[in-house]
């Protein structure tokens, strides 16, 4: 069985999917940056109370996790698309 040749519509759909994947990665990065800044803001403005310290450090700690989850998901999706359409 020979592979079906892709049409122009198929190529455009793949391009749209790749751009959506890039937008999703940027959204993960933006969310991680916002969490990090929110954590720093809580540290700066709400003082050394235990509850605020826990909230601030959980925001700061979760920010890189969210960023790397976004990178991993973007890489995995790109890899699947590359395997499927090459």
Protein backbone atom coordinates (compact mmCIF):
# COMPACT_ATOMS: atom_id res chain seq x y z
CA UNK A 1 0.00 0.00 0.00
CA UNK A 2 1.50 3.30 -1.08
CA UNK A 3 1.21 6.34 1.16
CA UNK A 4 -1.34 8.90 0.08
CA UNK A 5 0.15 12.10 -1.28
CA UNK A 6 -0.76 15.18 0.73
CA UNK A 7 -2.86 17.90 -0.84
CA UNK A 8 -2.46 21.63 -0.36
CA UNK A 9 -5.25 21.57 2.23
CA UNK A 10 -3.35 18.89 4.17
CA UNK A 11 -0.16 20.95 4.15
CA UNK A 12 -2.04 24.03 5.34
CA UNK A 13 -3.69 22.02 8.12
CA UNK A 14 -0.29 20.78 9.26
CA UNK A 15 1.06 24.34 9.27
CA UNK A 16 -1.93 25.52 11.33
CA UNK A 17 -1.37 22.71 13.79
CA UNK A 18 2.31 23.57 14.15
CA UNK A 19 1.49 27.25 14.75
CA UNK A 20 -1.14 26.28 17.32
CA UNK A 21 1.49 24.15 19.02
CA UNK A 22 3.84 27.14 19.16
CA UNK A 23 1.08 29.36 20.58
CA UNK A 24 0.41 26.77 23.26
CA UNK A 25 4.08 26.69 24.22
CA UNK A 26 4.11 30.48 24.48
CA UNK A 27 0.98 30.33 26.66
CA UNK A 28 2.74 27.90 29.01
CA UNK A 29 5.76 30.22 29.16
CA UNK A 30 3.56 33.25 29.82
CA UNK A 31 1.70 31.42 32.60
CA UNK A 32 4.95 30.27 34.20
CA UNK A 33 6.34 33.81 34.10
CA UNK A 34 3.12 35.18 35.62
CA UNK A 35 3.29 32.63 38.45
CA UNK A 36 6.90 33.53 39.15
CA UNK A 37 6.12 37.27 39.23
CA UNK A 38 3.05 36.67 41.40
CA UNK A 39 5.20 34.74 43.85
CA UNK A 40 7.76 37.53 44.01
CA UNK A 41 4.98 40.09 44.46
CA UNK A 42 3.47 38.17 47.37
CA UNK A 43 6.92 38.00 48.99
CA UNK A 44 7.47 41.72 48.52
CA UNK A 45 4.08 43.11 49.52
CA UNK A 46 2.64 40.75 52.13
CA UNK A 47 5.56 40.30 54.46
CA UNK A 48 6.94 37.30 56.27
CA UNK A 49 3.69 35.70 57.47
CA UNK A 50 3.77 31.92 57.16
CA UNK A 51 0.68 31.62 54.94
CA UNK A 52 1.99 34.20 52.48
CA UNK A 53 5.44 32.62 52.43
CA UNK A 54 3.90 29.24 51.59
CA UNK A 55 1.79 30.72 48.81
CA UNK A 56 4.69 32.72 47.38
CA UNK A 57 7.17 29.86 47.37
CA UNK A 58 4.64 27.44 45.93
CA UNK A 59 4.05 29.90 43.05
CA UNK A 60 7.78 30.35 42.53
CA UNK A 61 8.40 26.59 42.72
CA UNK A 62 5.57 25.66 40.37
CA UNK A 63 6.59 28.17 37.67
CA UNK A 64 9.56 26.19 36.27
CA UNK A 65 7.54 22.97 36.48
CA UNK A 66 4.81 24.53 34.35
CA UNK A 67 7.39 25.85 31.89
CA UNK A 68 9.03 22.45 31.43
CA UNK A 69 5.66 20.72 31.10
CA UNK A 70 4.92 23.11 28.24
CA UNK A 71 8.25 22.37 26.59
CA UNK A 72 7.72 18.63 26.92
CA UNK A 73 4.19 18.73 25.52
CA UNK A 74 5.30 20.92 22.61
CA UNK A 75 8.20 18.61 21.82
CA UNK A 76 5.99 15.52 22.01
CA UNK A 77 3.34 17.01 19.71
CA UNK A 78 5.95 18.19 17.21
CA UNK A 79 7.52 14.73 17.22
CA UNK A 80 4.15 13.04 16.58
CA UNK A 81 3.37 15.38 13.69
CA UNK A 82 6.78 14.84 12.17
CA UNK A 83 6.42 11.06 12.35
CA UNK A 84 2.92 11.08 10.90
CA UNK A 85 3.52 13.37 7.94
CA UNK A 86 6.99 12.50 6.74
